[in-house]
Amino acid sequence: MSEIIFKRMETPEEMQGKARVHYQAWQETYRGQIVDSYLDKMSYEQCLAIAHRWPDNIIVAKDGERVIGFTGYGPYRDESLPQTGEVFAIYVLAEYQKRGVGYRLMEAAMEMLKEYPTVVLWVLKGNQKAIPFYLRYGFRFDGCEKKILIGTHVIEQRMVYQGRTES
């Protein structure tokens, strides 16, 4: 493993790598949490289309030239919490988990969201890989839930980070 770097997604190769991580991480993370039929229909090409549709506000983690993780961030997509940032996605390939890559991606996203006093994210209810990570980082459940359709209806829970202080 070479030195892992963290940078904004810029090149077509990084978009392709982000799409590969998106596809593979969903297969590794959500198998058993959402219906297999949804994951079986998911494709790398769909993930690549997403990378092309939303190329902004993506930070990739790279081991050499290989993208091994990414995070997406920006203003909160719901007007119910003004002046709030959101971490839309954070995925790391299973072979690179528990090596600090996810933490460094979260740090990079939080740095980009530093203008916001509050940052939120949504997590699949019962996601026992992600929830402990978010709790260790300082996110807390605020009681808000929503039902979404991913092959079947599942529940997402909102977590909020308010650990920022004015300087």
N, C-alpha and C. Protein backbone atom coordinates (compact mmCIF):
# COMPACT_ATOMS: atom_id res chain seq x y z
N MET A 1 0.85 -1.18 0.00
CA MET A 1 0.00 0.00 0.00
C MET A 1 0.90 1.24 0.00
N SER A 2 0.69 2.09 -0.98
CA SER A 2 1.43 3.35 -1.01
C SER A 2 0.72 4.37 -0.11
N GLU A 3 1.24 5.58 -0.09
CA GLU A 3 0.61 6.61 0.73
C GLU A 3 -0.76 6.96 0.16
N ILE A 4 -1.75 6.99 1.02
CA ILE A 4 -3.11 7.32 0.59
C ILE A 4 -3.24 8.84 0.56
N ILE A 5 -3.74 9.35 -0.55
CA ILE A 5 -3.96 10.79 -0.68
C ILE A 5 -5.45 11.06 -0.75
N PHE A 6 -5.83 12.27 -0.36
CA PHE A 6 -7.21 12.72 -0.34
C PHE A 6 -7.28 13.99 -1.15
N LYS A 7 -8.15 14.03 -2.15
CA LYS A 7 -8.22 15.18 -3.04
C LYS A 7 -9.60 15.29 -3.66
N ARG A 8 -9.88 16.46 -4.20
CA ARG A 8 -11.14 16.63 -4.93
C ARG A 8 -11.13 15.74 -6.17
N MET A 9 -12.27 15.19 -6.50
CA MET A 9 -12.40 14.40 -7.71
C MET A 9 -12.32 15.34 -8.90
N GLU A 10 -11.39 15.06 -9.83
CA GLU A 10 -11.20 15.97 -10.95
C GLU A 10 -11.14 15.29 -12.31
N THR A 11 -10.56 14.12 -12.39
CA THR A 11 -10.28 13.52 -13.69
C THR A 11 -11.32 12.46 -14.06
N PRO A 12 -11.42 12.13 -15.34
CA PRO A 12 -12.31 11.04 -15.75
C PRO A 12 -11.94 9.72 -15.06
N GLU A 13 -10.66 9.48 -14.84
CA GLU A 13 -10.23 8.26 -14.15
C GLU A 13 -10.71 8.25 -12.70
N GLU A 14 -10.68 9.41 -12.06
CA GLU A 14 -11.18 9.49 -10.68
C GLU A 14 -12.69 9.30 -10.64
N MET A 15 -13.41 9.80 -11.64
CA MET A 15 -14.86 9.56 -11.71
C MET A 15 -15.14 8.07 -11.87
N GLN A 16 -14.38 7.41 -12.71
CA GLN A 16 -14.55 5.97 -12.90
C GLN A 16 -14.24 5.22 -11.61
N GLY A 17 -13.18 5.65 -10.92
CA GLY A 17 -12.83 5.03 -9.65
C GLY A 17 -13.89 5.25 -8.59
N LYS A 18 -14.44 6.46 -8.55
CA LYS A 18 -15.51 6.75 -7.60
C LYS A 18 -16.71 5.85 -7.89
N ALA A 19 -17.03 5.66 -9.17
CA ALA A 19 -18.15 4.79 -9.55
C ALA A 19 -17.89 3.35 -9.12
N ARG A 20 -16.64 2.88 -9.28
CA ARG A 20 -16.31 1.51 -8.87
C ARG A 20 -16.47 1.35 -7.35
N VAL A 21 -16.00 2.35 -6.59
CA VAL A 21 -16.15 2.29 -5.14
C VAL A 21 -17.62 2.32 -4.77
N HIS A 22 -18.39 3.21 -5.39
CA HIS A 22 -19.82 3.31 -5.12
C HIS A 22 -20.48 1.94 -5.32
N TYR A 23 -20.24 1.33 -6.47
CA TYR A 23 -20.85 0.04 -6.78
C TYR A 23 -20.38 -1.04 -5.78
N GLN A 24 -19.08 -1.18 -5.61
CA GLN A 24 -18.54 -2.25 -4.77
C GLN A 24 -18.92 -2.04 -3.31
N ALA A 25 -18.86 -0.82 -2.82
CA ALA A 25 -19.19 -0.55 -1.41
C ALA A 25 -20.65 -0.85 -1.12
N TRP A 26 -21.54 -0.55 -2.07
CA TRP A 26 -22.95 -0.89 -1.85
C TRP A 26 -23.11 -2.40 -1.75
N GLN A 27 -22.41 -3.14 -2.62
CA GLN A 27 -22.50 -4.60 -2.58
C GLN A 27 -21.96 -5.14 -1.25
N GLU A 28 -20.85 -4.56 -0.77
CA GLU A 28 -20.22 -5.02 0.46
C GLU A 28 -20.99 -4.58 1.70
N THR A 29 -21.56 -3.39 1.66
CA THR A 29 -22.16 -2.80 2.84
C THR A 29 -23.62 -3.18 3.04
N TYR A 30 -24.39 -3.18 1.98
CA TYR A 30 -25.84 -3.29 2.12
C TYR A 30 -26.41 -4.67 1.87
N ARG A 31 -25.59 -5.62 1.46
CA ARG A 31 -26.08 -6.98 1.27
C ARG A 31 -26.57 -7.48 2.62
N GLY A 32 -27.82 -7.89 2.69
CA GLY A 32 -28.41 -8.32 3.95
C GLY A 32 -29.16 -7.20 4.68
N GLN A 33 -28.95 -5.95 4.25
CA GLN A 33 -29.66 -4.83 4.86
C GLN A 33 -30.78 -4.31 3.98
N ILE A 34 -30.57 -4.42 2.67
CA ILE A 34 -31.65 -4.11 1.72
C ILE A 34 -31.82 -5.34 0.84
N VAL A 35 -32.91 -5.40 0.12
CA VAL A 35 -33.21 -6.62 -0.63
C VAL A 35 -32.16 -6.89 -1.70
N ASP A 36 -31.78 -8.16 -1.81
CA ASP A 36 -30.76 -8.56 -2.78
C ASP A 36 -31.14 -8.20 -4.20
N SER A 37 -32.43 -8.26 -4.53
CA SER A 37 -32.85 -7.98 -5.90
C SER A 37 -32.46 -6.56 -6.32
N TYR A 38 -32.49 -5.60 -5.39
CA TYR A 38 -32.09 -4.23 -5.70
C TYR A 38 -30.60 -4.19 -6.00
N LEU A 39 -29.81 -4.81 -5.15
CA LEU A 39 -28.36 -4.82 -5.34
C LEU A 39 -27.98 -5.59 -6.61
N ASP A 40 -28.72 -6.66 -6.90
CA ASP A 40 -28.42 -7.45 -8.10
C ASP A 40 -28.67 -6.66 -9.38
N LYS A 41 -29.62 -5.73 -9.34
CA LYS A 41 -29.92 -4.90 -10.52
C LYS A 41 -29.00 -3.69 -10.64
N MET A 42 -28.34 -3.33 -9.55
CA MET A 42 -27.45 -2.18 -9.55
C MET A 42 -26.25 -2.49 -10.45
N SER A 43 -25.75 -1.45 -11.13
CA SER A 43 -24.61 -1.68 -12.03
C SER A 43 -23.56 -0.59 -11.88
N TYR A 44 -22.36 -0.93 -12.28
CA TYR A 44 -21.27 0.04 -12.33
C TYR A 44 -21.66 1.21 -13.23
N GLU A 45 -22.31 0.91 -14.36
CA GLU A 45 -22.70 1.96 -15.31
C GLU A 45 -23.65 2.96 -14.67
N GLN A 46 -24.57 2.50 -13.82
CA GLN A 46 -25.46 3.41 -13.11
C GLN A 46 -24.66 4.32 -12.16
N CYS A 47 -23.69 3.73 -11.50
CA CYS A 47 -22.86 4.51 -10.56
C CYS A 47 -21.99 5.52 -11.32
N LEU A 48 -21.54 5.15 -12.51
CA LEU A 48 -20.76 6.07 -13.32
C LEU A 48 -21.63 7.23 -13.78
N ALA A 49 -22.87 6.94 -14.15
CA ALA A 49 -23.80 8.01 -14.55
C ALA A 49 -24.02 8.98 -13.39
N ILE A 50 -24.12 8.47 -12.18
CA ILE A 50 -24.28 9.31 -10.99
C ILE A 50 -23.04 10.19 -10.81
N ALA A 51 -21.86 9.61 -11.00
CA ALA A 51 -20.61 10.37 -10.85
C ALA A 51 -20.55 11.51 -11.86
N HIS A 52 -21.07 11.27 -13.06
CA HIS A 52 -21.07 12.32 -14.08
C HIS A 52 -22.15 13.39 -13.81
N ARG A 53 -23.29 12.96 -13.23
CA ARG A 53 -24.38 13.91 -12.94
C ARG A 53 -24.02 14.84 -11.79
N TRP A 54 -23.31 14.32 -10.80
CA TRP A 54 -22.96 15.10 -9.61
C TRP A 54 -21.46 15.03 -9.36
N PRO A 55 -20.67 15.73 -10.18
CA PRO A 55 -19.21 15.66 -10.03
C PRO A 55 -18.65 16.59 -8.96
N ASP A 56 -19.44 17.54 -8.50
CA ASP A 56 -18.94 18.53 -7.55
C ASP A 56 -19.03 18.02 -6.12
N ASN A 57 -18.22 18.61 -5.27
CA ASN A 57 -18.24 18.33 -3.83
C ASN A 57 -17.98 16.85 -3.52
N ILE A 58 -17.05 16.27 -4.25
CA ILE A 58 -16.63 14.89 -4.01
C ILE A 58 -15.14 14.90 -3.71
N ILE A 59 -14.77 14.25 -2.62
CA ILE A 59 -13.37 14.04 -2.28
C ILE A 59 -13.11 12.55 -2.39
N VAL A 60 -12.04 12.20 -3.09
CA VAL A 60 -11.68 10.80 -3.24
C VAL A 60 -10.44 10.50 -2.40
N ALA A 61 -10.36 9.26 -1.95
CA ALA A 61 -9.16 8.72 -1.31
C ALA A 61 -8.53 7.79 -2.33
N LYS A 62 -7.22 7.97 -2.55
CA LYS A 62 -6.52 7.18 -3.55
C LYS A 62 -5.30 6.50 -2.95
N ASP A 63 -5.16 5.23 -3.27
CA ASP A 63 -3.97 4.46 -2.95
C ASP A 63 -3.24 4.31 -4.27
N GLY A 64 -2.22 5.12 -4.47
CA GLY A 64 -1.59 5.20 -5.79
C GLY A 64 -2.59 5.83 -6.74
N GLU A 65 -2.87 5.16 -7.84
CA GLU A 65 -3.84 5.67 -8.80
C GLU A 65 -5.24 5.10 -8.57
N ARG A 66 -5.38 4.19 -7.63
CA ARG A 66 -6.66 3.51 -7.38
C ARG A 66 -7.51 4.29 -6.38
N VAL A 67 -8.74 4.63 -6.77
CA VAL A 67 -9.69 5.25 -5.85
C VAL A 67 -10.20 4.15 -4.92
N ILE A 68 -10.08 4.39 -3.61
CA ILE A 68 -10.46 3.38 -2.62
C ILE A 68 -11.59 3.85 -1.71
N GLY A 69 -11.98 5.12 -1.86
CA GLY A 69 -13.07 5.65 -1.05
C GLY A 69 -13.43 7.04 -1.54
N PHE A 70 -14.58 7.53 -1.08
CA PHE A 70 -14.99 8.89 -1.42
C PHE A 70 -16.00 9.39 -0.42
N THR A 71 -16.14 10.70 -0.41
CA THR A 71 -17.21 11.33 0.36
C THR A 71 -17.82 12.44 -0.49
N GLY A 72 -19.10 12.65 -0.31
CA GLY A 72 -19.82 13.74 -0.96
C GLY A 72 -20.44 14.63 0.11
N TYR A 73 -20.45 15.92 -0.11
CA TYR A 73 -20.89 16.87 0.91
C TYR A 73 -21.50 18.10 0.23
N GLY A 74 -22.21 18.90 1.01
CA GLY A 74 -22.76 20.15 0.51
C GLY A 74 -23.80 20.69 1.48
N PRO A 75 -24.54 21.71 1.04
CA PRO A 75 -25.60 22.24 1.89
C PRO A 75 -26.68 21.17 2.10
N TYR A 76 -27.32 21.21 3.26
CA TYR A 76 -28.39 20.26 3.56
C TYR A 76 -29.51 20.42 2.55
N ARG A 77 -30.02 19.31 2.06
CA ARG A 77 -31.00 19.31 0.98
C ARG A 77 -32.43 19.50 1.46
N ASP A 78 -32.62 19.80 2.72
CA ASP A 78 -33.95 19.98 3.30
C ASP A 78 -33.96 21.33 4.01
N GLU A 79 -34.95 22.14 3.73
CA GLU A 79 -35.02 23.49 4.31
C GLU A 79 -35.40 23.49 5.78
N SER A 80 -35.69 22.32 6.36
CA SER A 80 -36.12 22.27 7.76
C SER A 80 -35.01 22.67 8.73
N LEU A 81 -33.76 22.57 8.31
CA LEU A 81 -32.63 22.96 9.15
C LEU A 81 -31.78 23.96 8.37
N PRO A 82 -32.06 25.25 8.54
CA PRO A 82 -31.26 26.25 7.81
C PRO A 82 -29.82 26.27 8.33
N GLN A 83 -28.93 26.78 7.52
CA GLN A 83 -27.52 26.91 7.85
C GLN A 83 -26.93 25.58 8.32
N THR A 84 -27.23 24.53 7.57
CA THR A 84 -26.78 23.19 7.91
C THR A 84 -26.10 22.57 6.70
N GLY A 85 -25.00 21.91 6.95
CA GLY A 85 -24.31 21.15 5.91
C GLY A 85 -24.71 19.69 5.98
N GLU A 86 -24.35 18.94 4.94
CA GLU A 86 -24.70 17.52 4.92
C GLU A 86 -23.57 16.71 4.31
N VAL A 87 -23.29 15.59 4.93
CA VAL A 87 -22.43 14.58 4.32
C VAL A 87 -23.39 13.62 3.62
N PHE A 88 -23.40 13.68 2.28
CA PHE A 88 -24.35 12.89 1.49
C PHE A 88 -23.94 11.42 1.42
N ALA A 89 -22.65 11.18 1.36
CA ALA A 89 -22.15 9.82 1.18
C ALA A 89 -20.74 9.73 1.70
N ILE A 90 -20.40 8.58 2.23
CA ILE A 90 -19.02 8.26 2.58
C ILE A 90 -18.88 6.75 2.47
N TYR A 91 -18.02 6.34 1.55
CA TYR A 91 -17.83 4.91 1.29
C TYR A 91 -16.35 4.61 1.15
N VAL A 92 -15.94 3.51 1.74
CA VAL A 92 -14.57 3.02 1.66
C VAL A 92 -14.64 1.53 1.35
N LEU A 93 -13.80 1.08 0.41
CA LEU A 93 -13.76 -0.34 0.10
C LEU A 93 -13.46 -1.14 1.37
N ALA A 94 -14.07 -2.31 1.50
CA ALA A 94 -13.93 -3.12 2.72
C ALA A 94 -12.47 -3.39 3.07
N GLU A 95 -11.63 -3.63 2.08
CA GLU A 95 -10.23 -3.96 2.36
C GLU A 95 -9.45 -2.77 2.94
N TYR A 96 -10.00 -1.56 2.87
CA TYR A 96 -9.34 -0.38 3.41
C TYR A 96 -10.03 0.15 4.67
N GLN A 97 -11.08 -0.51 5.11
CA GLN A 97 -11.75 -0.07 6.32
C GLN A 97 -10.90 -0.38 7.55
N LYS A 98 -11.14 0.37 8.60
CA LYS A 98 -10.43 0.25 9.88
C LYS A 98 -8.94 0.61 9.74
N ARG A 99 -8.64 1.49 8.77
CA ARG A 99 -7.28 1.99 8.58
C ARG A 99 -7.23 3.51 8.65
N GLY A 100 -8.32 4.13 9.06
CA GLY A 100 -8.35 5.58 9.18
C GLY A 100 -8.78 6.31 7.91
N VAL A 101 -9.08 5.57 6.85
CA VAL A 101 -9.47 6.21 5.59
C VAL A 101 -10.81 6.91 5.74
N GLY A 102 -11.79 6.23 6.32
CA GLY A 102 -13.10 6.83 6.52
C GLY A 102 -13.02 8.07 7.40
N TYR A 103 -12.21 7.99 8.45
CA TYR A 103 -12.05 9.14 9.35
C TYR A 103 -11.47 10.33 8.59
N ARG A 104 -10.45 10.07 7.78
CA ARG A 104 -9.82 11.17 7.04
C ARG A 104 -10.76 11.73 5.97
N LEU A 105 -11.58 10.88 5.38
CA LEU A 105 -12.59 11.38 4.44
C LEU A 105 -13.60 12.25 5.17
N MET A 106 -14.03 11.82 6.36
CA MET A 106 -14.97 12.62 7.14
C MET A 106 -14.34 13.95 7.53
N GLU A 107 -13.08 13.92 7.93
CA GLU A 107 -12.38 15.16 8.27
C GLU A 107 -12.35 16.11 7.07
N ALA A 108 -12.09 15.56 5.88
CA ALA A 108 -12.03 16.39 4.68
C ALA A 108 -13.39 17.00 4.38
N ALA A 109 -14.45 16.20 4.49
CA ALA A 109 -15.80 16.72 4.26
C ALA A 109 -16.15 17.79 5.29
N MET A 110 -15.83 17.53 6.55
CA MET A 110 -16.15 18.50 7.60
C MET A 110 -15.37 19.79 7.40
N GLU A 111 -14.16 19.70 6.91
CA GLU A 111 -13.39 20.91 6.62
C GLU A 111 -14.09 21.72 5.53
N MET A 112 -14.60 21.05 4.51
CA MET A 112 -15.30 21.75 3.43
C MET A 112 -16.63 22.32 3.90
N LEU A 113 -17.18 21.77 4.99
CA LEU A 113 -18.46 22.24 5.53
C LEU A 113 -18.28 23.15 6.75
N LYS A 114 -17.07 23.65 6.96
CA LYS A 114 -16.77 24.39 8.20
C LYS A 114 -17.60 25.66 8.37
N GLU A 115 -18.18 26.18 7.29
CA GLU A 115 -19.01 27.38 7.42
C GLU A 115 -20.35 27.08 8.09
N TYR A 116 -20.70 25.81 8.19
CA TYR A 116 -21.99 25.42 8.77
C TYR A 116 -21.83 25.05 10.25
N PRO A 117 -22.63 25.63 11.14
CA PRO A 117 -22.53 25.28 12.55
C PRO A 117 -23.03 23.86 12.85
N THR A 118 -23.87 23.33 11.96
CA THR A 118 -24.44 22.00 12.13
C THR A 118 -24.25 21.22 10.84
N VAL A 119 -23.95 19.94 10.98
CA VAL A 119 -23.81 19.04 9.83
C VAL A 119 -24.65 17.81 10.12
N VAL A 120 -25.37 17.34 9.11
CA VAL A 120 -26.19 16.14 9.26
C VAL A 120 -25.78 15.08 8.25
N LEU A 121 -26.22 13.87 8.53
CA LEU A 121 -26.13 12.78 7.56
C LEU A 121 -27.28 11.83 7.84
N TRP A 122 -27.59 11.01 6.86
CA TRP A 122 -28.64 10.01 6.99
C TRP A 122 -27.99 8.64 6.94
N VAL A 123 -28.43 7.74 7.81
CA VAL A 123 -27.88 6.39 7.88
C VAL A 123 -29.02 5.39 7.90
N LEU A 124 -28.81 4.29 7.21
CA LEU A 124 -29.80 3.22 7.19
C LEU A 124 -29.96 2.66 8.60
N LYS A 125 -31.18 2.60 9.08
CA LYS A 125 -31.45 2.09 10.42
C LYS A 125 -30.86 0.69 10.55
N GLY A 126 -30.10 0.49 11.62
CA GLY A 126 -29.50 -0.81 11.87
C GLY A 126 -28.17 -1.05 11.16
N ASN A 127 -27.63 -0.06 10.47
CA ASN A 127 -26.36 -0.22 9.76
C ASN A 127 -25.23 -0.28 10.80
N GLN A 128 -24.90 -1.48 11.23
CA GLN A 128 -23.95 -1.64 12.33
C GLN A 128 -22.50 -1.44 11.95
N LYS A 129 -22.22 -1.18 10.67
CA LYS A 129 -20.87 -0.77 10.29
C LYS A 129 -20.74 0.75 10.40
N ALA A 130 -21.74 1.45 9.92
CA ALA A 130 -21.65 2.91 9.84
C ALA A 130 -22.00 3.61 11.15
N ILE A 131 -23.03 3.16 11.84
CA ILE A 131 -23.51 3.87 13.03
C ILE A 131 -22.42 4.03 14.09
N PRO A 132 -21.69 2.98 14.47
CA PRO A 132 -20.64 3.18 15.47
C PRO A 132 -19.56 4.18 15.02
N PHE A 133 -19.24 4.17 13.73
CA PHE A 133 -18.27 5.12 13.19
C PHE A 133 -18.78 6.55 13.36
N TYR A 134 -20.02 6.79 12.99
CA TYR A 134 -20.59 8.14 13.10
C TYR A 134 -20.69 8.58 14.56
N LEU A 135 -21.07 7.67 15.44
CA LEU A 135 -21.14 8.00 16.87
C LEU A 135 -19.76 8.36 17.42
N ARG A 136 -18.73 7.59 17.04
CA ARG A 136 -17.36 7.91 17.50
C ARG A 136 -16.92 9.28 16.99
N TYR A 137 -17.36 9.64 15.80
CA TYR A 137 -16.98 10.93 15.25
C TYR A 137 -17.67 12.09 15.97
N GLY A 138 -18.82 11.82 16.57
CA GLY A 138 -19.54 12.87 17.30
C GLY A 138 -20.95 13.14 16.81
N PHE A 139 -21.40 12.41 15.81
CA PHE A 139 -22.78 12.55 15.36
C PHE A 139 -23.70 11.88 16.36
N ARG A 140 -24.91 12.43 16.49
CA ARG A 140 -25.93 11.87 17.39
C ARG A 140 -27.26 11.82 16.67
N PHE A 141 -28.05 10.81 16.99
CA PHE A 141 -29.40 10.71 16.42
C PHE A 141 -30.24 11.84 16.97
N ASP A 142 -31.07 12.44 16.11
CA ASP A 142 -31.96 13.51 16.59
C ASP A 142 -33.42 13.08 16.59
N GLY A 143 -33.68 11.81 16.30
CA GLY A 143 -35.05 11.29 16.34
C GLY A 143 -35.79 11.39 15.03
N CYS A 144 -35.22 12.05 14.03
CA CYS A 144 -35.87 12.20 12.74
C CYS A 144 -35.61 10.96 11.89
N GLU A 145 -36.66 10.41 11.33
CA GLU A 145 -36.56 9.24 10.46
C GLU A 145 -37.36 9.49 9.20
N LYS A 146 -36.97 8.78 8.13
CA LYS A 146 -37.76 8.83 6.90
C LYS A 146 -37.74 7.46 6.24
N LYS A 147 -38.84 7.17 5.58
CA LYS A 147 -38.95 5.91 4.86
C LYS A 147 -38.58 6.19 3.41
N ILE A 148 -37.66 5.37 2.87
CA ILE A 148 -37.26 5.51 1.48
C ILE A 148 -37.43 4.17 0.77
N LEU A 149 -37.52 4.22 -0.52
CA LEU A 149 -37.70 3.02 -1.32
C LEU A 149 -36.38 2.66 -1.98
N ILE A 150 -35.79 1.56 -1.56
CA ILE A 150 -34.58 1.00 -2.17
C ILE A 150 -34.89 -0.48 -2.40
N GLY A 151 -35.66 -0.75 -3.44
CA GLY A 151 -36.11 -2.12 -3.68
C GLY A 151 -37.33 -2.45 -2.84
N THR A 152 -37.29 -2.06 -1.60
CA THR A 152 -38.40 -2.15 -0.66
C THR A 152 -38.25 -0.95 0.28
N HIS A 153 -39.25 -0.70 1.09
CA HIS A 153 -39.14 0.43 2.01
C HIS A 153 -38.18 0.11 3.15
N VAL A 154 -37.29 1.05 3.40
CA VAL A 154 -36.36 0.96 4.53
C VAL A 154 -36.41 2.30 5.26
N ILE A 155 -35.88 2.30 6.46
CA ILE A 155 -35.88 3.51 7.28
C ILE A 155 -34.46 4.08 7.34
N GLU A 156 -34.37 5.38 7.10
CA GLU A 156 -33.13 6.10 7.33
C GLU A 156 -33.32 6.97 8.56
N GLN A 157 -32.25 7.11 9.33
CA GLN A 157 -32.27 7.94 10.53
C GLN A 157 -31.28 9.09 10.35
N ARG A 158 -31.71 10.26 10.81
CA ARG A 158 -30.83 11.42 10.71
C ARG A 158 -29.92 11.50 11.92
N MET A 159 -28.65 11.80 11.65
CA MET A 159 -27.68 12.04 12.71
C MET A 159 -27.15 13.46 12.53
N VAL A 160 -26.91 14.12 13.64
CA VAL A 160 -26.52 15.53 13.64
C VAL A 160 -25.20 15.69 14.40
N TYR A 161 -24.34 16.51 13.82
CA TYR A 161 -23.08 16.89 14.46
C TYR A 161 -23.15 18.37 14.78
N GLN A 162 -23.01 18.69 16.07
CA GLN A 162 -23.05 20.09 16.49
C GLN A 162 -21.83 20.41 17.34
N GLY A 163 -20.73 19.78 17.04
CA GLY A 163 -19.54 19.97 17.85
C GLY A 163 -18.71 21.18 17.48
N ARG A 164 -19.26 22.05 16.66
CA ARG A 164 -18.49 23.21 16.21
C ARG A 164 -18.71 24.39 17.13
N THR A 165 -17.67 25.15 17.31
CA THR A 165 -17.78 26.37 18.12
C THR A 165 -17.29 27.53 17.28
N GLU A 166 -17.80 28.69 17.56
CA GLU A 166 -17.36 29.90 16.86
C GLU A 166 -15.93 30.22 17.27
N SER A 167 -15.10 30.61 16.29
CA SER A 167 -13.73 30.99 16.64
C SER A 167 -13.58 32.48 16.68
